[in-house]
C-alpha atoms as a PDB file:
ATOM      1  CA  MET A   1      18.333  -7.684  -1.219  1.00  0.00           C
ATOM      2  CA  ASN A   2      20.606  -6.042  -3.706  1.00  0.00           C
ATOM      3  CA  TRP A   3      18.357  -3.465  -5.102  1.00  0.00           C
ATOM      4  CA  LYS A   4      18.893  -1.377  -8.447  1.00  0.00           C
ATOM      5  CA  ILE A   5      17.456   1.821  -7.896  1.00  0.00           C
ATOM      6  CA  ILE A   6      16.454   4.077 -10.998  1.00  0.00           C
ATOM      7  CA  HIS A   7      15.359   7.700 -10.904  1.00  0.00           C
ATOM      8  CA  ILE A   8      13.322   9.130 -13.835  1.00  0.00           C
ATOM      9  CA  ASP A   9      11.942  12.510 -14.508  1.00  0.00           C
ATOM     10  CA  GLU A  10       8.475  11.631 -15.751  1.00  0.00           C
ATOM     11  CA  THR A  11       6.498   8.347 -16.977  1.00  0.00           C
ATOM     12  CA  ASP A  12       2.796   7.730 -17.680  1.00  0.00           C
ATOM     13  CA  SER A  13       3.181   4.980 -14.678  1.00  0.00           C
ATOM     14  CA  THR A  14       6.288   3.768 -12.983  1.00  0.00           C
ATOM     15  CA  ASN A  15       4.277   0.137 -12.661  1.00  0.00           C
ATOM     16  CA  ARG A  16       4.188   0.402 -16.746  1.00  0.00           C
ATOM     17  CA  TRP A  17       7.655   1.433 -17.145  1.00  0.00           C
ATOM     18  CA  LEU A  18       8.896  -1.301 -15.003  1.00  0.00           C
ATOM     19  CA  ARG A  19       6.965  -3.830 -16.693  1.00  0.00           C
ATOM     20  CA  SER A  20       8.494  -2.691 -20.119  1.00  0.00           C
ATOM     21  CA  VAL A  21      12.035  -3.141 -19.051  1.00  0.00           C
ATOM     22  CA  MET A  22      11.973  -5.954 -16.724  1.00  0.00           C
ATOM     23  CA  SER A  23      14.594  -8.510 -17.082  1.00  0.00           C
ATOM     24  CA  GLY A  24      16.967 -10.290 -14.740  1.00  0.00           C
ATOM     25  CA  ASP A  25      16.487 -11.834 -11.332  1.00  0.00           C
ATOM     26  CA  ASN A  26      17.501  -8.878  -9.221  1.00  0.00           C
ATOM     27  CA  PRO A  27      15.077  -6.490  -7.392  1.00  0.00           C
ATOM     28  CA  VAL A  28      14.482  -3.114  -9.002  1.00  0.00           C
ATOM     29  CA  ALA A  29      13.112  -0.154  -7.715  1.00  0.00           C
ATOM     30  CA  VAL A  30      12.052   2.851 -10.106  1.00  0.00           C
ATOM     31  CA  TRP A  31      10.897   6.368  -8.737  1.00  0.00           C
ATOM     32  CA  ALA A  32       9.775   9.198 -10.669  1.00  0.00           C
ATOM     33  CA  ASP A  33       9.204  12.923 -10.124  1.00  0.00           C
ATOM     34  CA  TYR A  34       5.881  12.888 -11.919  1.00  0.00           C
ATOM     35  CA  GLN A  35       3.415  10.340 -13.468  1.00  0.00           C
ATOM     36  CA  THR A  36       1.117  11.456 -16.268  1.00  0.00           C
ATOM     37  CA  ALA A  37      -1.205   8.386 -15.676  1.00  0.00           C
ATOM     38  CA  GLY A  38      -0.524   7.348 -12.200  1.00  0.00           C
ATOM     39  CA  ARG A  39      -3.539   5.151 -10.882  1.00  0.00           C
ATOM     40  CA  GLY A  40      -4.785   3.545  -7.837  1.00  0.00           C
ATOM     41  CA  GLN A  41      -6.930   0.474  -7.410  1.00  0.00           C
ATOM     42  CA  GLY A  42      -9.514  -0.069 -10.349  1.00  0.00           C
ATOM     43  CA  THR A  43     -10.240   3.146 -12.193  1.00  0.00           C
ATOM     44  CA  ASN A  44      -9.006   5.466  -9.478  1.00  0.00           C
ATOM     45  CA  THR A  45      -6.318   7.856 -10.228  1.00  0.00           C
ATOM     46  CA  TRP A  46      -3.518   9.306  -7.865  1.00  0.00           C
ATOM     47  CA  GLU A  47      -3.166  13.117  -7.647  1.00  0.00           C
ATOM     48  CA  SER A  48       0.490  14.103  -7.275  1.00  0.00           C
ATOM     49  CA  GLU A  49       2.128  17.400  -7.915  1.00  0.00           C
ATOM     50  CA  ARG A  50       5.439  17.440  -9.800  1.00  0.00           C
ATOM     51  CA  GLY A  51       8.538  16.547  -7.669  1.00  0.00           C
ATOM     52  CA  LYS A  52       6.557  16.685  -4.310  1.00  0.00           C
ATOM     53  CA  ASN A  53       5.711  13.097  -3.500  1.00  0.00           C
ATOM     54  CA  LEU A  54       7.474   9.521  -3.527  1.00  0.00           C
ATOM     55  CA  LEU A  55       5.978   7.780  -6.694  1.00  0.00           C
ATOM     56  CA  PHE A  56       7.883   4.413  -7.004  1.00  0.00           C
ATOM     57  CA  SER A  57       7.352   0.898  -8.266  1.00  0.00           C
ATOM     58  CA  LEU A  58       9.188  -2.245  -7.103  1.00  0.00           C
ATOM     59  CA  LEU A  59      10.048  -5.714  -9.131  1.00  0.00           C
ATOM     60  CA  LEU A  60      10.646  -8.590  -7.079  1.00  0.00           C
ATOM     61  CA  HIS A  61      10.540 -12.290  -7.909  1.00  0.00           C
ATOM     62  CA  PRO A  62       9.164 -14.204  -4.828  1.00  0.00           C
ATOM     63  CA  ARG A  63       9.287 -17.517  -6.795  1.00  0.00           C
ATOM     64  CA  GLN A  64       9.144 -19.703  -3.510  1.00  0.00           C
ATOM     65  CA  LEU A  65       5.926 -17.991  -2.697  1.00  0.00           C
ATOM     66  CA  PRO A  66       2.513 -19.840  -3.490  1.00  0.00           C
ATOM     67  CA  ALA A  67      -0.130 -17.838  -5.292  1.00  0.00           C
ATOM     68  CA  ASN A  68      -2.426 -18.613  -2.379  1.00  0.00           C
ATOM     69  CA  LYS A  69       0.096 -16.773   0.006  1.00  0.00           C
ATOM     70  CA  GLN A  70       0.441 -13.458  -2.097  1.00  0.00           C
ATOM     71  CA  PHE A  71      -0.941 -11.472   0.607  1.00  0.00           C
ATOM     72  CA  GLN A  72       2.093 -11.718   2.356  1.00  0.00           C
ATOM     73  CA  ILE A  73       3.814  -9.253  -0.047  1.00  0.00           C
ATOM     74  CA  SER A  74       0.979  -6.802   0.735  1.00  0.00           C
ATOM     75  CA  MET A  75       1.302  -7.087   4.476  1.00  0.00           C
ATOM     76  CA  ALA A  76       5.164  -6.698   4.114  1.00  0.00           C
ATOM     77  CA  VAL A  77       4.988  -3.551   1.838  1.00  0.00           C
ATOM     78  CA  SER A  78       2.228  -2.121   4.173  1.00  0.00           C
ATOM     79  CA  LEU A  79       4.391  -2.448   7.280  1.00  0.00           C
ATOM     80  CA  ALA A  80       7.718  -1.309   5.551  1.00  0.00           C
ATOM     81  CA  ILE A  81       5.864   2.072   4.595  1.00  0.00           C
ATOM     82  CA  CYS A  82       4.471   2.431   7.962  1.00  0.00           C
ATOM     83  CA  GLU A  83       7.953   1.921   9.615  1.00  0.00           C
ATOM     84  CA  ALA A  84       9.669   4.269   7.422  1.00  0.00           C
ATOM     85  CA  VAL A  85       6.998   6.956   7.456  1.00  0.00           C
ATOM     86  CA  GLY A  86       6.533   6.581  11.067  1.00  0.00           C
ATOM     87  CA  GLN A  87      10.088   7.969  11.486  1.00  0.00           C
ATOM     88  CA  HIS A  88       8.505  11.278  10.515  1.00  0.00           C
ATOM     89  CA  ILE A  89       4.781  11.052  12.007  1.00  0.00           C
ATOM     90  CA  GLY A  90       2.852   9.152  14.112  1.00  0.00           C
ATOM     91  CA  ASP A  91      -0.887   7.793  14.280  1.00  0.00           C
ATOM     92  CA  LEU A  92      -0.226   5.596  11.201  1.00  0.00           C
ATOM     93  CA  SER A  93      -2.463   2.369  10.264  1.00  0.00           C
ATOM     94  CA  ILE A  94      -3.306   0.357   7.530  1.00  0.00           C
ATOM     95  CA  LYS A  95      -6.632   0.399   6.063  1.00  0.00           C
ATOM     96  CA  TRP A  96      -7.290  -3.069   4.719  1.00  0.00           C
ATOM     97  CA  PRO A  97      -5.927  -4.273   2.467  1.00  0.00           C
ATOM     98  CA  ASN A  98      -2.943  -1.865   2.197  1.00  0.00           C
ATOM     99  CA  ASP A  99      -3.664   1.831   2.125  1.00  0.00           C
ATOM    100  CA  ILE A 100      -1.654   3.786   4.517  1.00  0.00           C
ATOM    101  CA  TYR A 101      -3.572   6.282   6.844  1.00  0.00           C
ATOM    102  CA  TRP A 102      -2.884   8.954   9.265  1.00  0.00           C
ATOM    103  CA  ARG A 103      -5.627   9.146  11.409  1.00  0.00           C
ATOM    104  CA  ASP A 104      -8.816   9.376   8.935  1.00  0.00           C
ATOM    105  CA  GLY A 105      -6.632  10.707   6.081  1.00  0.00           C
ATOM    106  CA  LYS A 106      -5.063   8.775   3.289  1.00  0.00           C
ATOM    107  CA  ILE A 107      -1.362   9.396   2.939  1.00  0.00           C
ATOM    108  CA  GLY A 108      -0.630   6.326   0.734  1.00  0.00           C
ATOM    109  CA  GLY A 109      -1.791   3.827  -1.613  1.00  0.00           C
ATOM    110  CA  ILE A 110      -0.255   0.495  -3.064  1.00  0.00           C
ATOM    111  CA  LEU A 111      -1.210  -1.356  -6.261  1.00  0.00           C
ATOM    112  CA  ILE A 112       0.261  -4.960  -6.596  1.00  0.00           C
ATOM    113  CA  GLU A 113       0.267  -6.909  -9.772  1.00  0.00           C
ATOM    114  CA  HIS A 114       1.414 -10.420 -10.116  1.00  0.00           C
ATOM    115  CA  THR A 115       2.589 -12.681 -12.805  1.00  0.00           C
ATOM    116  CA  LEU A 116       1.858 -16.473 -11.841  1.00  0.00           C
ATOM    117  CA  GLN A 117       3.816 -19.550 -13.088  1.00  0.00           C
ATOM    118  CA  GLY A 118       1.607 -22.595 -11.972  1.00  0.00           C
ATOM    119  CA  SER A 119       0.795 -22.318  -8.428  1.00  0.00           C
ATOM    120  CA  MET A 120       3.588 -19.917  -7.637  1.00  0.00           C
ATOM    121  CA  ILE A 121       4.446 -16.346  -8.090  1.00  0.00           C
ATOM    122  CA  LYS A 122       6.871 -15.662 -10.627  1.00  0.00           C
ATOM    123  CA  ASP A 123       7.104 -11.880 -10.536  1.00  0.00           C
ATOM    124  CA  SER A 124       5.339  -8.953  -8.416  1.00  0.00           C
ATOM    125  CA  ILE A 125       5.240  -5.348  -9.501  1.00  0.00           C
ATOM    126  CA  ILE A 126       4.264  -3.088  -6.501  1.00  0.00           C
ATOM    127  CA  GLY A 127       3.337   0.470  -7.112  1.00  0.00           C
ATOM    128  CA  VAL A 128       3.439   3.015  -4.248  1.00  0.00           C
ATOM    129  CA  GLY A 129       2.182   6.537  -4.198  1.00  0.00           C
ATOM    130  CA  LEU A 130       3.226   8.313  -1.133  1.00  0.00           C
ATOM    131  CA  ASN A 131       1.842  12.013  -0.359  1.00  0.00           C
ATOM    132  CA  VAL A 132       5.229  13.557   1.044  1.00  0.00           C
ATOM    133  CA  ASN A 133       5.813  17.215   0.369  1.00  0.00           C
ATOM    134  CA  GLN A 134       2.587  18.047  -1.568  1.00  0.00           C
ATOM    135  CA  ARG A 135       0.894  21.021   0.413  1.00  0.00           C
ATOM    136  CA  VAL A 136      -2.580  21.519  -1.304  1.00  0.00           C
ATOM    137  CA  PHE A 137      -4.629  18.745  -3.023  1.00  0.00           C
ATOM    138  CA  HIS A 138      -6.948  19.931  -5.768  1.00  0.00           C
ATOM    139  CA  SER A 139      -8.829  16.651  -6.773  1.00  0.00           C
ATOM    140  CA  ASP A 140     -12.186  15.527  -5.598  1.00  0.00           C
ATOM    141  CA  ALA A 141     -10.457  12.761  -3.498  1.00  0.00           C
ATOM    142  CA  PRO A 142     -12.052  12.598  -0.243  1.00  0.00           C
ATOM    143  CA  ASN A 143      -9.448  12.507   2.493  1.00  0.00           C
ATOM    144  CA  PRO A 144      -5.610  13.085   1.102  1.00  0.00           C
ATOM    145  CA  VAL A 145      -2.939  13.950   3.692  1.00  0.00           C
ATOM    146  CA  SER A 146       0.764  14.346   3.228  1.00  0.00           C
ATOM    147  CA  ILE A 147       3.737  14.417   5.544  1.00  0.00           C
ATOM    148  CA  TRP A 148       4.273  17.935   5.098  1.00  0.00           C
ATOM    149  CA  GLN A 149       0.776  18.861   6.182  1.00  0.00           C
ATOM    150  CA  ILE A 150       1.101  17.046   9.425  1.00  0.00           C
ATOM    151  CA  CYS A 151       4.569  17.931  10.400  1.00  0.00           C
ATOM    152  CA  GLU A 152       5.185  21.132   8.281  1.00  0.00           C
ATOM    153  CA  CYS A 153       8.611  20.112   7.319  1.00  0.00           C
ATOM    154  CA  GLU A 154      10.055  18.751   3.886  1.00  0.00           C
ATOM    155  CA  THR A 155      11.015  15.297   3.738  1.00  0.00           C
ATOM    156  CA  ASP A 156      13.767  13.808   1.588  1.00  0.00           C
ATOM    157  CA  ARG A 157      12.029  11.555  -1.063  1.00  0.00           C
ATOM    158  CA  GLU A 158      15.171   9.339  -1.914  1.00  0.00           C
ATOM    159  CA  GLN A 159      16.100   9.022   1.872  1.00  0.00           C
ATOM    160  CA  LEU A 160      12.515   7.819   2.551  1.00  0.00           C
ATOM    161  CA  LEU A 161      12.689   5.236  -0.319  1.00  0.00           C
ATOM    162  CA  ASN A 162      15.810   3.807   0.688  1.00  0.00           C
ATOM    163  CA  HIS A 163      14.614   3.796   4.410  1.00  0.00           C
ATOM    164  CA  ILE A 164      11.433   1.627   2.933  1.00  0.00           C
ATOM    165  CA  LEU A 165      13.454  -0.755   0.939  1.00  0.00           C
ATOM    166  CA  ASN A 166      15.711  -1.454   4.034  1.00  0.00           C
ATOM    167  CA  CYS A 167      12.437  -2.347   6.078  1.00  0.00           C
ATOM    168  CA  LEU A 168      11.079  -4.379   3.376  1.00  0.00           C
ATOM    169  CA  ASP A 169      13.953  -6.591   3.274  1.00  0.00           C
ATOM    170  CA  ARG A 170      13.223  -7.488   6.717  1.00  0.00           C
ATOM    171  CA  TYR A 171       9.754  -7.879   6.603  1.00  0.00           C
ATOM    172  CA  LEU A 172       9.880 -10.193   3.800  1.00  0.00           C
ATOM    173  CA  SER A 173      11.832 -12.589   5.784  1.00  0.00           C
ATOM    174  CA  HIS A 174       9.649 -12.744   8.841  1.00  0.00           C
ATOM    175  CA  ASP A 175       6.325 -13.933  10.031  1.00  0.00           C
ATOM    176  CA  ILE A 176       4.385 -10.522  10.095  1.00  0.00           C
ATOM    177  CA  LYS A 177       0.615 -11.360  10.224  1.00  0.00           C
ATOM    178  CA  ALA A 178       0.449 -10.566  13.998  1.00  0.00           C
ATOM    179  CA  GLN A 179       2.056  -7.184  13.393  1.00  0.00           C
ATOM    180  CA  TYR A 180      -0.074  -6.386  10.349  1.00  0.00           C
ATOM    181  CA  LEU A 181      -3.188  -7.090  12.295  1.00  0.00           C
ATOM    182  CA  SER A 182      -2.087  -4.620  15.275  1.00  0.00           C
ATOM    183  CA  MET A 183      -1.544  -1.916  12.715  1.00  0.00           C
ATOM    184  CA  LEU A 184      -4.892  -2.237  11.192  1.00  0.00           C
ATOM    185  CA  TYR A 185      -6.981   0.921  10.744  1.00  0.00           C
ATOM    186  CA  ARG A 186     -10.194   0.496  12.980  1.00  0.00           C
ATOM    187  CA  ARG A 187      -8.735  -2.510  14.650  1.00  0.00           C
ATOM    188  CA  LYS A 188     -10.680  -2.001  17.769  1.00  0.00           C
ATOM    189  CA  GLY A 189     -14.507  -1.371  18.393  1.00  0.00           C
ATOM    190  CA  PHE A 190     -17.489  -1.342  16.141  1.00  0.00           C
ATOM    191  CA  HIS A 191     -17.461   0.927  13.011  1.00  0.00           C
ATOM    192  CA  PRO A 192     -19.729   1.555   9.920  1.00  0.00           C
ATOM    193  CA  TYR A 193     -19.064  -0.527   6.758  1.00  0.00           C
ATOM    194  CA  ALA A 194     -21.209  -1.092   3.583  1.00  0.00           C
ATOM    195  CA  ASP A 195     -21.692  -3.906   1.310  1.00  0.00           C
ATOM    196  CA  LYS A 196     -23.773  -4.754  -1.715  1.00  0.00           C
ATOM    197  CA  ALA A 197     -26.726  -5.270   0.755  1.00  0.00           C
ATOM    198  CA  GLY A 198     -26.344  -1.793   2.672  1.00  0.00           C
ATOM    199  CA  ALA A 199     -24.699  -0.242   5.677  1.00  0.00           C
ATOM    200  CA  PHE A 200     -23.926  -2.162   8.851  1.00  0.00           C
ATOM    201  CA  MET A 201     -21.785  -1.936  11.909  1.00  0.00           C
ATOM    202  CA  ALA A 202     -19.168  -4.423  12.417  1.00  0.00           C
ATOM    203  CA  GLU A 203     -15.773  -4.898  14.278  1.00  0.00           C
ATOM    204  CA  ILE A 204     -12.778  -6.450  12.711  1.00  0.00           C
ATOM    205  CA  VAL A 205     -11.964 -10.279  13.824  1.00  0.00           C
ATOM    206  CA  THR A 206      -8.980 -11.070  11.449  1.00  0.00           C
ATOM    207  CA  VAL A 207      -7.333 -11.084   7.874  1.00  0.00           C
ATOM    208  CA  GLU A 208      -7.304 -14.691   6.496  1.00  0.00           C
ATOM    209  CA  ASP A 209      -4.000 -15.906   4.763  1.00  0.00           C
ATOM    210  CA  ASP A 210      -5.518 -15.252   1.364  1.00  0.00           C
ATOM    211  CA  GLY A 211      -6.178 -11.672   2.342  1.00  0.00           C
ATOM    212  CA  ARG A 212      -9.860 -11.780   3.147  1.00  0.00           C
ATOM    213  CA  LEU A 213     -11.240  -9.464   5.748  1.00  0.00           C
ATOM    214  CA  VAL A 214     -13.342 -11.104   8.398  1.00  0.00           C
ATOM    215  CA  LEU A 215     -15.588  -8.961  10.432  1.00  0.00           C
ATOM    216  CA  SER A 216     -18.328  -9.589  13.131  1.00  0.00           C
ATOM    217  CA  ASP A 217     -21.493  -7.635  12.957  1.00  0.00           C
ATOM    218  CA  GLU A 218     -23.420  -6.540  15.934  1.00  0.00           C
ATOM    219  CA  ASP A 219     -25.493  -9.868  15.667  1.00  0.00           C
ATOM    220  CA  GLY A 220     -22.332 -11.744  16.074  1.00  0.00           C
ATOM    221  CA  GLN A 221     -22.484 -13.140  12.538  1.00  0.00           C
ATOM    222  CA  ALA A 222     -19.177 -13.412  10.863  1.00  0.00           C
ATOM    223  CA  ARG A 223     -18.899 -11.607   7.423  1.00  0.00           C
ATOM    224  CA  ARG A 224     -15.914 -12.534   5.042  1.00  0.00           C
ATOM    225  CA  TYR A 225     -15.167 -10.316   2.322  1.00  0.00           C
ATOM    226  CA  ALA A 226     -12.603 -10.167  -0.690  1.00  0.00           C
ATOM    227  CA  PHE A 227     -11.202  -6.763  -1.818  1.00  0.00           C
ATOM    228  CA  LYS A 228     -13.814  -4.591  -3.224  1.00  0.00           C
ATOM    229  CA  GLU A 229     -16.579  -6.545  -1.606  1.00  0.00           C
ATOM    230  CA  VAL A 230     -16.881  -4.078   1.262  1.00  0.00           C
ATOM    231  CA  SER A 231     -16.221  -0.472   1.941  1.00  0.00           C
ATOM    232  CA  PHE A 232     -15.249   1.537   5.014  1.00  0.00           C
ATOM    233  CA  ILE A 233     -17.599   4.426   5.747  1.00  0.00           C
ATOM    234  CA  ILE A 234     -15.544   7.264   6.941  1.00  0.00           C
END
């Protein structure tokens, strides 16, 4: 894709900035040195020291993609980030649905907002926060980690963004479900989870086309969850 890339010094949220200026049919990427109101899923906030991390949003127009297949975008973005960041560090995985993990630490988060037109996706805005060069985290987030903390070297944020975009172009045009499943955090074995009924042990079976996570508990019972219906106990 022919990306239009925009760099800004500061904004409240790159997702909101992009939504306010979006026009035309070309894909757009905007990245900022600082966000005053960066957020994650739900009411979560994203801590980021000015000029240290990669904070960006993408505007896509996947108008041939049915709404019930929208998880394809989440998989493609997650895999693109893992491939690009994987040039700097190993041991990466995707914590369902789309958090980027290094071992048991969270190195990146993704927030995707779709606009629908009938049964098809009209526009997608994909917000990404990646911990790149930040050395110390001060919030009460339980497990943040950055590329610098792992390899103790500075990473060029603009080069990393370009690498992610190049990878994303490829992943958006291929069948990637098997690759996504192979990259899942806790892909093998039984691990602790919790739902509204309490804690339990289970193993991952698959992720369905609509993005639902399928687990199998110790009794062999299948459990299907939409996002936010189950949590990983770490």
